Structures are given as structure tokens and as C-alpha cells.
C-alpha atoms as a PDB file:
ATOM      1  CA  UNK A   1      71.756 133.610  94.860  1.00  0.00           C
ATOM      2  CA  UNK A   2      74.438 131.489  96.544  1.00  0.00           C
ATOM      3  CA  UNK A   3      73.472 128.573  98.773  1.00  0.00           C
ATOM      4  CA  UNK A   4      75.788 127.372 101.521  1.00  0.00           C
ATOM      5  CA  UNK A   5      75.284 124.348 103.757  1.00  0.00           C
ATOM      6  CA  UNK A   6      77.741 123.548 106.531  1.00  0.00           C
ATOM      7  CA  UNK A   7      77.726 121.848 109.912  1.00  0.00           C
ATOM      8  CA  UNK A   8      79.857 121.490 113.016  1.00  0.00           C
ATOM      9  CA  UNK A   9      79.739 119.270 116.093  1.00  0.00           C
ATOM     10  CA  UNK A  10      80.068 121.167 119.353  1.00  0.00           C
ATOM     11  CA  UNK A  11      81.130 119.393 122.541  1.00  0.00           C
ATOM     12  CA  UNK A  12      78.335 120.866 124.646  1.00  0.00           C
ATOM     13  CA  UNK A  13      74.735 119.944 125.467  1.00  0.00           C
ATOM     14  CA  UNK A  14      72.081 121.002 122.980  1.00  0.00           C
ATOM     15  CA  UNK A  15      70.436 123.523 125.332  1.00  0.00           C
ATOM     16  CA  UNK A  16      73.757 125.317 125.889  1.00  0.00           C
ATOM     17  CA  UNK A  17      74.567 125.463 122.175  1.00  0.00           C
ATOM     18  CA  UNK A  18      71.119 126.816 121.300  1.00  0.00           C
ATOM     19  CA  UNK A  19      71.255 129.395 124.077  1.00  0.00           C
ATOM     20  CA  UNK A  20      74.694 130.611 122.987  1.00  0.00           C
ATOM     21  CA  UNK A  21      73.679 130.807 119.319  1.00  0.00           C
ATOM     22  CA  UNK A  22      70.764 133.093 120.175  1.00  0.00           C
ATOM     23  CA  UNK A  23      73.106 135.627 121.841  1.00  0.00           C
ATOM     24  CA  UNK A  24      73.455 137.532 118.587  1.00  0.00           C
ATOM     25  CA  UNK A  25      75.183 140.466 120.246  1.00  0.00           C
ATOM     26  CA  UNK A  26      78.155 138.150 120.936  1.00  0.00           C
ATOM     27  CA  UNK A  27      78.622 137.160 117.271  1.00  0.00           C
ATOM     28  CA  UNK A  28      81.448 139.711 116.769  1.00  0.00           C
ATOM     29  CA  UNK A  29      83.484 137.675 119.305  1.00  0.00           C
ATOM     30  CA  UNK A  30      83.737 134.715 116.931  1.00  0.00           C
ATOM     31  CA  UNK A  31      82.493 135.834 113.495  1.00  0.00           C
ATOM     32  CA  UNK A  32      85.300 137.806 111.930  1.00  0.00           C
ATOM     33  CA  UNK A  33      83.174 139.779 109.460  1.00  0.00           C
ATOM     34  CA  UNK A  34      80.544 140.813 112.006  1.00  0.00           C
ATOM     35  CA  UNK A  35      81.261 144.221 113.510  1.00  0.00           C
ATOM     36  CA  UNK A  36      78.090 144.706 115.579  1.00  0.00           C
ATOM     37  CA  UNK A  37      74.643 143.193 116.139  1.00  0.00           C
ATOM     38  CA  UNK A  38      71.864 145.037 117.966  1.00  0.00           C
ATOM     39  CA  UNK A  39      68.425 143.787 118.902  1.00  0.00           C
ATOM     40  CA  UNK A  40      65.919 146.363 117.671  1.00  0.00           C
ATOM     41  CA  UNK A  41      62.716 144.625 118.725  1.00  0.00           C
ATOM     42  CA  UNK A  42      61.144 141.201 119.158  1.00  0.00           C
ATOM     43  CA  UNK A  43      62.781 139.020 116.511  1.00  0.00           C
ATOM     44  CA  UNK A  44      64.443 142.036 114.863  1.00  0.00           C
ATOM     45  CA  UNK A  45      68.163 142.801 114.644  1.00  0.00           C
ATOM     46  CA  UNK A  46      70.438 145.348 113.000  1.00  0.00           C
ATOM     47  CA  UNK A  47      73.750 144.036 111.659  1.00  0.00           C
ATOM     48  CA  UNK A  48      76.944 145.846 110.747  1.00  0.00           C
ATOM     49  CA  UNK A  49      79.377 143.676 108.800  1.00  0.00           C
ATOM     50  CA  UNK A  50      82.680 144.124 107.023  1.00  0.00           C
ATOM     51  CA  UNK A  51      82.825 141.951 103.924  1.00  0.00           C
ATOM     52  CA  UNK A  52      86.152 142.040 102.069  1.00  0.00           C
ATOM     53  CA  UNK A  53      86.827 145.508 103.415  1.00  0.00           C
ATOM     54  CA  UNK A  54      83.390 146.839 102.430  1.00  0.00           C
ATOM     55  CA  UNK A  55      81.161 148.149 105.227  1.00  0.00           C
ATOM     56  CA  UNK A  56      77.556 146.833 104.963  1.00  0.00           C
ATOM     57  CA  UNK A  57      74.491 147.223 107.180  1.00  0.00           C
ATOM     58  CA  UNK A  58      71.184 145.397 107.145  1.00  0.00           C
ATOM     59  CA  UNK A  59      68.110 144.633 109.195  1.00  0.00           C
ATOM     60  CA  UNK A  60      67.008 141.039 109.747  1.00  0.00           C
ATOM     61  CA  UNK A  61      64.007 139.384 111.310  1.00  0.00           C
ATOM     62  CA  UNK A  62      63.585 135.968 112.805  1.00  0.00           C
ATOM     63  CA  UNK A  63      61.001 134.089 110.768  1.00  0.00           C
ATOM     64  CA  UNK A  64      60.928 130.994 112.955  1.00  0.00           C
ATOM     65  CA  UNK A  65      62.314 130.091 116.363  1.00  0.00           C
ATOM     66  CA  UNK A  66      61.706 126.668 117.859  1.00  0.00           C
ATOM     67  CA  UNK A  67      63.704 126.459 121.096  1.00  0.00           C
ATOM     68  CA  UNK A  68      66.528 123.921 120.932  1.00  0.00           C
ATOM     69  CA  UNK A  69      65.525 122.925 117.374  1.00  0.00           C
ATOM     70  CA  UNK A  70      65.833 125.733 114.828  1.00  0.00           C
ATOM     71  CA  UNK A  71      66.202 129.428 114.141  1.00  0.00           C
ATOM     72  CA  UNK A  72      65.367 130.880 110.724  1.00  0.00           C
ATOM     73  CA  UNK A  73      65.857 134.452 109.554  1.00  0.00           C
ATOM     74  CA  UNK A  74      65.808 136.742 106.549  1.00  0.00           C
ATOM     75  CA  UNK A  75      67.142 140.182 105.800  1.00  0.00           C
ATOM     76  CA  UNK A  76      64.400 142.757 105.400  1.00  0.00           C
ATOM     77  CA  UNK A  77      66.313 145.905 104.452  1.00  0.00           C
ATOM     78  CA  UNK A  78      69.784 147.226 103.867  1.00  0.00           C
ATOM     79  CA  UNK A  79      72.828 146.272 101.823  1.00  0.00           C
ATOM     80  CA  UNK A  80      72.750 142.508 102.395  1.00  0.00           C
ATOM     81  CA  UNK A  81      70.130 140.107 101.057  1.00  0.00           C
ATOM     82  CA  UNK A  82      70.155 136.742 102.798  1.00  0.00           C
ATOM     83  CA  UNK A  83      68.004 134.110 104.415  1.00  0.00           C
ATOM     84  CA  UNK A  84      68.987 131.115 106.475  1.00  0.00           C
ATOM     85  CA  UNK A  85      68.186 128.488 109.023  1.00  0.00           C
ATOM     86  CA  UNK A  86      70.240 126.898 111.772  1.00  0.00           C
ATOM     87  CA  UNK A  87      69.139 123.563 113.169  1.00  0.00           C
ATOM     88  CA  UNK A  88      70.350 121.911 116.361  1.00  0.00           C
ATOM     89  CA  UNK A  89      70.687 118.121 116.626  1.00  0.00           C
ATOM     90  CA  UNK A  90      71.460 116.126 119.760  1.00  0.00           C
ATOM     91  CA  UNK A  91      74.256 113.684 118.985  1.00  0.00           C
ATOM     92  CA  UNK A  92      74.548 112.549 122.579  1.00  0.00           C
ATOM     93  CA  UNK A  93      74.218 114.088 126.035  1.00  0.00           C
ATOM     94  CA  UNK A  94      77.329 116.259 125.613  1.00  0.00           C
ATOM     95  CA  UNK A  95      77.503 116.788 121.829  1.00  0.00           C
ATOM     96  CA  UNK A  96      75.369 118.886 119.496  1.00  0.00           C
ATOM     97  CA  UNK A  97      75.469 119.100 115.723  1.00  0.00           C
ATOM     98  CA  UNK A  98      74.757 122.590 114.424  1.00  0.00           C
ATOM     99  CA  UNK A  99      73.667 122.723 110.768  1.00  0.00           C
ATOM    100  CA  UNK A 100      73.527 125.990 108.795  1.00  0.00           C
ATOM    101  CA  UNK A 101      71.773 126.604 105.496  1.00  0.00           C
ATOM    102  CA  UNK A 102      72.355 130.081 104.119  1.00  0.00           C
ATOM    103  CA  UNK A 103      71.191 131.722 100.921  1.00  0.00           C
ATOM    104  CA  UNK A 104      72.744 135.041 100.057  1.00  0.00           C
ATOM    105  CA  UNK A 105      72.963 137.440  97.196  1.00  0.00           C
ATOM    106  CA  UNK A 106      76.310 139.229  97.219  1.00  0.00           C
ATOM    107  CA  UNK A 107      75.531 142.959  96.821  1.00  0.00           C
ATOM    108  CA  UNK A 108      78.593 144.176  94.937  1.00  0.00           C
ATOM    109  CA  UNK A 109      80.953 143.070  92.187  1.00  0.00           C
ATOM    110  CA  UNK A 110      83.800 142.358  94.607  1.00  0.00           C
ATOM    111  CA  UNK A 111      81.504 140.331  96.901  1.00  0.00           C
ATOM    112  CA  UNK A 112      80.207 138.327  93.896  1.00  0.00           C
ATOM    113  CA  UNK A 113      83.778 137.525  92.884  1.00  0.00           C
ATOM    114  CA  UNK A 114      84.666 136.486  96.444  1.00  0.00           C
ATOM    115  CA  UNK A 115      81.585 134.241  96.568  1.00  0.00           C
ATOM    116  CA  UNK A 116      82.351 132.718  93.154  1.00  0.00           C
ATOM    117  CA  UNK A 117      85.847 131.812  94.353  1.00  0.00           C
ATOM    118  CA  UNK A 118      84.429 129.938  97.356  1.00  0.00           C
ATOM    119  CA  UNK A 119      85.618 132.342 100.023  1.00  0.00           C
ATOM    120  CA  UNK A 120      82.132 132.897 101.477  1.00  0.00           C
ATOM    121  CA  UNK A 121      81.723 129.163 102.053  1.00  0.00           C
ATOM    122  CA  UNK A 122      85.173 129.104 103.684  1.00  0.00           C
ATOM    123  CA  UNK A 123      84.152 132.015 105.946  1.00  0.00           C
ATOM    124  CA  UNK A 124      81.064 130.097 107.108  1.00  0.00           C
ATOM    125  CA  UNK A 125      83.221 127.054 107.876  1.00  0.00           C
ATOM    126  CA  UNK A 126      85.677 129.221 109.827  1.00  0.00           C
ATOM    127  CA  UNK A 127      82.859 131.006 111.705  1.00  0.00           C
ATOM    128  CA  UNK A 128      81.314 127.681 112.741  1.00  0.00           C
ATOM    129  CA  UNK A 129      84.708 126.420 113.923  1.00  0.00           C
ATOM    130  CA  UNK A 130      85.171 129.638 115.904  1.00  0.00           C
ATOM    131  CA  UNK A 131      81.644 129.324 117.360  1.00  0.00           C
ATOM    132  CA  UNK A 132      82.500 125.769 118.438  1.00  0.00           C
ATOM    133  CA  UNK A 133      85.663 127.014 120.179  1.00  0.00           C
ATOM    134  CA  UNK A 134      83.720 129.900 121.741  1.00  0.00           C
ATOM    135  CA  UNK A 135      81.125 127.559 123.249  1.00  0.00           C
ATOM    136  CA  UNK A 136      83.578 124.853 124.299  1.00  0.00           C
ATOM    137  CA  UNK A 137      85.909 127.315 126.006  1.00  0.00           C
ATOM    138  CA  UNK A 138      83.030 128.830 127.968  1.00  0.00           C
ATOM    139  CA  UNK A 139      83.917 132.383 126.883  1.00  0.00           C
ATOM    140  CA  UNK A 140      81.264 134.963 127.577  1.00  0.00           C
ATOM    141  CA  UNK A 141      80.980 138.646 126.786  1.00  0.00           C
ATOM    142  CA  UNK A 142      82.275 140.964 129.532  1.00  0.00           C
END
């Protein structure tokens, strides 16, 4: 199982960063591999992702949610096996550090190769950068 740890500083107050992160349905706006996210119940989501041209679906559940501090999750069914936690840290009044720890088991041979070459880690870095830009620009879903 691969373990990825990355962080990004967002020029926005902690409450705003936390609130935006928990709008899972908006993830396709800034996470390139995420096609769709649907809430299916309290703490439950269904994800459709495109990883290296391979369509994958999975269900996830939130295992812990402490407002403005942390969100943890794990996949519970489907093609993708992963677990992670995002923590939110106040740097100052207008800056928040977002830290992601992600453990994932690539499901197919191609995905394992991509992970071994470091592309999954690069994708997480790019997604965090895009999340930062999304929050800082004030973009919202239509």
C-alpha cells in the first residue's frame, strides 16, 4: 500500500478552507482525476474517478470529522482501496496549512506502475495546488 503525505498553504481563513474542502461534490472542479462525487448518506459518498484512462468507482465513508481540524475517510467498497486524513492548521488569520495523508492500494497493473513511478504523489501535489487556487480565487460551483 502506498503512503503519500503532502501539504499546501492556502491564503484563506481556516474556516473557509475547511468549509470548501467538505464540498466534495465540487472536487471535479479542481481534481483532474475525479469525474463525479455524490453524497449517498450521512458521511457516505460515491466516487467516480478516471485514473490513467481507467474508469473506477468506489464508495467511501467519513470515519472522523472534527470541524476546522480534520476529516478522515476510508473506501468501503468498489475498485479503489484507500484511506486518508486531511488536517487543517491555522498559520495566521488569513492563511491555512492543509496537510494530507493518503494510503492507497492501486487496483490494477497500470495503476501500480504509475504509483511506482511517483505519478500518484505528483497528482496529489497538483490537486492540492489546484484546490489552493480554487479557494483563493473564490470560484464556486454554478
